[in-house]
Each structure stands twice: as structure tokens, then as C-alpha cells.
Amino acid sequence: MIAAGFARPSPPNRFDNAIAIAIDAPPEAVSACLTAPALMP
């Protein structure tokens, strides 16, 4: 479920979408959501 958010074409609000997903995710997934956008070009 988490990966699906990053697999879609990147909209301007990709980071906002990651935050929305993280709200319902366990803590370790929250860290991944916050880190992955920063590592992506």
C-alpha cells in the first residue's frame, strides 16, 4: 500500500500524498514515507 503511492506518476503534491498515506501507516512506514521523497530525484 505504501509503495503504491510512489509507484504512480509523480503529481506536484506527491509529498502531500505521502503524508496522507503515512497518517494510517505504522511508525516504520512513516519514516519510509518521509525519507523516500527526499531520496528521489
Protein backbone atom coordinates (compact mmCIF):
# COMPACT_ATOMS: atom_id res chain seq x y z
CA MET A 1 0.00 0.00 0.00
CA ILE A 2 2.78 2.42 0.87
CA ALA A 3 4.74 1.63 -2.30
CA ALA A 4 1.67 2.21 -4.44
CA GLY A 5 1.78 5.90 -3.56
CA PHE A 6 5.28 6.19 -5.02
CA ALA A 7 4.65 3.90 -7.98
CA ARG A 8 2.09 6.25 -9.53
CA PRO A 9 3.18 9.10 -11.81
CA SER A 10 4.54 11.86 -9.61
CA PRO A 11 1.97 14.65 -9.16
CA PRO A 12 3.01 18.07 -7.82
CA ASN A 13 1.61 17.07 -4.43
CA ARG A 14 3.50 13.76 -4.22
CA PHE A 15 4.87 14.67 -0.80
CA ASP A 16 1.42 15.62 0.49
CA ASN A 17 0.15 12.25 -0.71
CA ALA A 18 2.95 10.53 1.19
CA ILE A 19 1.96 12.35 4.37
CA ALA A 20 -1.68 11.36 3.89
CA ILE A 21 -0.66 7.72 3.46
CA ALA A 22 1.65 7.92 6.49
CA ILE A 23 -1.23 9.01 8.72
CA ASP A 24 -2.64 5.47 8.52
CA ALA A 25 0.73 3.73 8.49
CA PRO A 26 2.82 2.22 11.32
CA PRO A 27 5.79 4.30 12.57
CA GLU A 28 8.41 2.48 10.50
CA ALA A 29 6.35 3.11 7.37
CA VAL A 30 6.03 6.77 8.30
CA SER A 31 9.82 7.04 8.34
CA ALA A 32 9.99 5.40 4.91
CA CYS A 33 7.39 7.78 3.52
CA LEU A 34 9.25 10.81 4.85
CA THR A 35 12.62 9.54 3.63
CA ALA A 36 11.77 8.18 0.18
CA PRO A 37 10.66 11.53 -1.36
CA ALA A 38 13.88 13.14 -0.14
CA LEU A 39 15.96 10.43 -1.83
CA MET A 40 14.08 10.62 -5.13
CA PRO A 41 15.34 12.97 -7.86
